[in-house]
């Protein structure tokens, strides 16, 4: 997999993933289990590859 995410997008996805996971751990209500989906953007941000970007041909990094 070739990287297709720039630094800003990666940072946004990591923060979003952490926020969703935090919601799953400490959030209340019936839908807090959906917060575990935050693992996906967290992993994508850590690796630098986004499947959505690949599907739609989007590259946000300068040297990829």
C-alpha atoms as a PDB file:
ATOM      1  CA  UNK A   1       0.000   0.000   0.000  1.00  0.00           C
ATOM      2  CA  UNK A   2       1.376   3.328  -1.026  1.00  0.00           C
ATOM      3  CA  UNK A   3       0.713   6.294   1.241  1.00  0.00           C
ATOM      4  CA  UNK A   4      -2.024   8.627   0.021  1.00  0.00           C
ATOM      5  CA  UNK A   5      -2.607  10.825   3.086  1.00  0.00           C
ATOM      6  CA  UNK A   6      -0.856  14.088   3.863  1.00  0.00           C
ATOM      7  CA  UNK A   7       0.249  15.230   7.303  1.00  0.00           C
ATOM      8  CA  UNK A   8      -2.822  17.370   7.996  1.00  0.00           C
ATOM      9  CA  UNK A   9      -5.270  14.651   6.966  1.00  0.00           C
ATOM     10  CA  UNK A  10      -3.400  12.084   9.031  1.00  0.00           C
ATOM     11  CA  UNK A  11      -3.526  14.312  12.107  1.00  0.00           C
ATOM     12  CA  UNK A  12      -7.258  14.914  11.659  1.00  0.00           C
ATOM     13  CA  UNK A  13      -7.969  11.207  11.300  1.00  0.00           C
ATOM     14  CA  UNK A  14      -5.887  10.299  14.368  1.00  0.00           C
ATOM     15  CA  UNK A  15      -7.676  12.918  16.499  1.00  0.00           C
ATOM     16  CA  UNK A  16     -11.054  11.779  15.163  1.00  0.00           C
ATOM     17  CA  UNK A  17     -10.221   8.135  15.878  1.00  0.00           C
ATOM     18  CA  UNK A  18      -9.068   8.898  19.414  1.00  0.00           C
ATOM     19  CA  UNK A  19     -12.189  10.984  20.065  1.00  0.00           C
ATOM     20  CA  UNK A  20     -14.462   8.166  18.910  1.00  0.00           C
ATOM     21  CA  UNK A  21     -12.619   5.605  21.014  1.00  0.00           C
ATOM     22  CA  UNK A  22     -12.817   7.907  24.046  1.00  0.00           C
ATOM     23  CA  UNK A  23     -16.556   8.215  23.442  1.00  0.00           C
ATOM     24  CA  UNK A  24     -16.817   4.424  23.347  1.00  0.00           C
ATOM     25  CA  UNK A  25     -14.943   4.069  26.635  1.00  0.00           C
ATOM     26  CA  UNK A  26     -16.409   6.931  28.654  1.00  0.00           C
ATOM     27  CA  UNK A  27     -19.537   7.860  26.735  1.00  0.00           C
ATOM     28  CA  UNK A  28     -22.985   7.025  27.829  1.00  0.00           C
ATOM     29  CA  UNK A  29     -26.112   6.108  26.005  1.00  0.00           C
ATOM     30  CA  UNK A  30     -27.163   3.283  23.788  1.00  0.00           C
ATOM     31  CA  UNK A  31     -24.941   4.172  20.839  1.00  0.00           C
ATOM     32  CA  UNK A  32     -21.556   4.488  22.529  1.00  0.00           C
ATOM     33  CA  UNK A  33     -20.490   1.120  21.086  1.00  0.00           C
ATOM     34  CA  UNK A  34     -20.360   2.790  17.677  1.00  0.00           C
ATOM     35  CA  UNK A  35     -17.375   4.720  18.984  1.00  0.00           C
ATOM     36  CA  UNK A  36     -15.210   1.647  18.491  1.00  0.00           C
ATOM     37  CA  UNK A  37     -15.346   2.380  14.774  1.00  0.00           C
ATOM     38  CA  UNK A  38     -12.726   4.996  15.673  1.00  0.00           C
ATOM     39  CA  UNK A  39     -10.124   2.249  15.337  1.00  0.00           C
ATOM     40  CA  UNK A  40     -10.431   2.561  11.543  1.00  0.00           C
ATOM     41  CA  UNK A  41      -9.478   6.264  11.190  1.00  0.00           C
ATOM     42  CA  UNK A  42      -6.853   5.847  13.920  1.00  0.00           C
ATOM     43  CA  UNK A  43      -5.186   3.006  12.011  1.00  0.00           C
ATOM     44  CA  UNK A  44      -5.483   4.821   8.672  1.00  0.00           C
ATOM     45  CA  UNK A  45      -3.873   7.921  10.143  1.00  0.00           C
ATOM     46  CA  UNK A  46      -1.089   5.899  11.718  1.00  0.00           C
ATOM     47  CA  UNK A  47      -0.309   4.020   8.502  1.00  0.00           C
ATOM     48  CA  UNK A  48      -0.882   6.910   6.085  1.00  0.00           C
ATOM     49  CA  UNK A  49      -3.173   4.981   3.764  1.00  0.00           C
ATOM     50  CA  UNK A  50      -6.882   5.676   3.432  1.00  0.00           C
ATOM     51  CA  UNK A  51      -9.115   3.281   1.512  1.00  0.00           C
ATOM     52  CA  UNK A  52     -11.606   6.051   0.702  1.00  0.00           C
ATOM     53  CA  UNK A  53      -8.816   8.131  -0.834  1.00  0.00           C
ATOM     54  CA  UNK A  54      -7.698   5.143  -2.894  1.00  0.00           C
ATOM     55  CA  UNK A  55     -11.213   4.410  -4.150  1.00  0.00           C
ATOM     56  CA  UNK A  56     -11.805   7.993  -5.250  1.00  0.00           C
ATOM     57  CA  UNK A  57      -8.239   8.646  -6.456  1.00  0.00           C
ATOM     58  CA  UNK A  58      -7.513  11.349  -3.891  1.00  0.00           C
ATOM     59  CA  UNK A  59      -3.946  11.998  -2.774  1.00  0.00           C
ATOM     60  CA  UNK A  60      -3.337  14.641  -0.113  1.00  0.00           C
ATOM     61  CA  UNK A  61       0.388  14.096   0.266  1.00  0.00           C
ATOM     62  CA  UNK A  62       2.946  16.025  -1.751  1.00  0.00           C
ATOM     63  CA  UNK A  63       5.398  13.244  -2.569  1.00  0.00           C
ATOM     64  CA  UNK A  64       3.220  10.196  -3.125  1.00  0.00           C
END
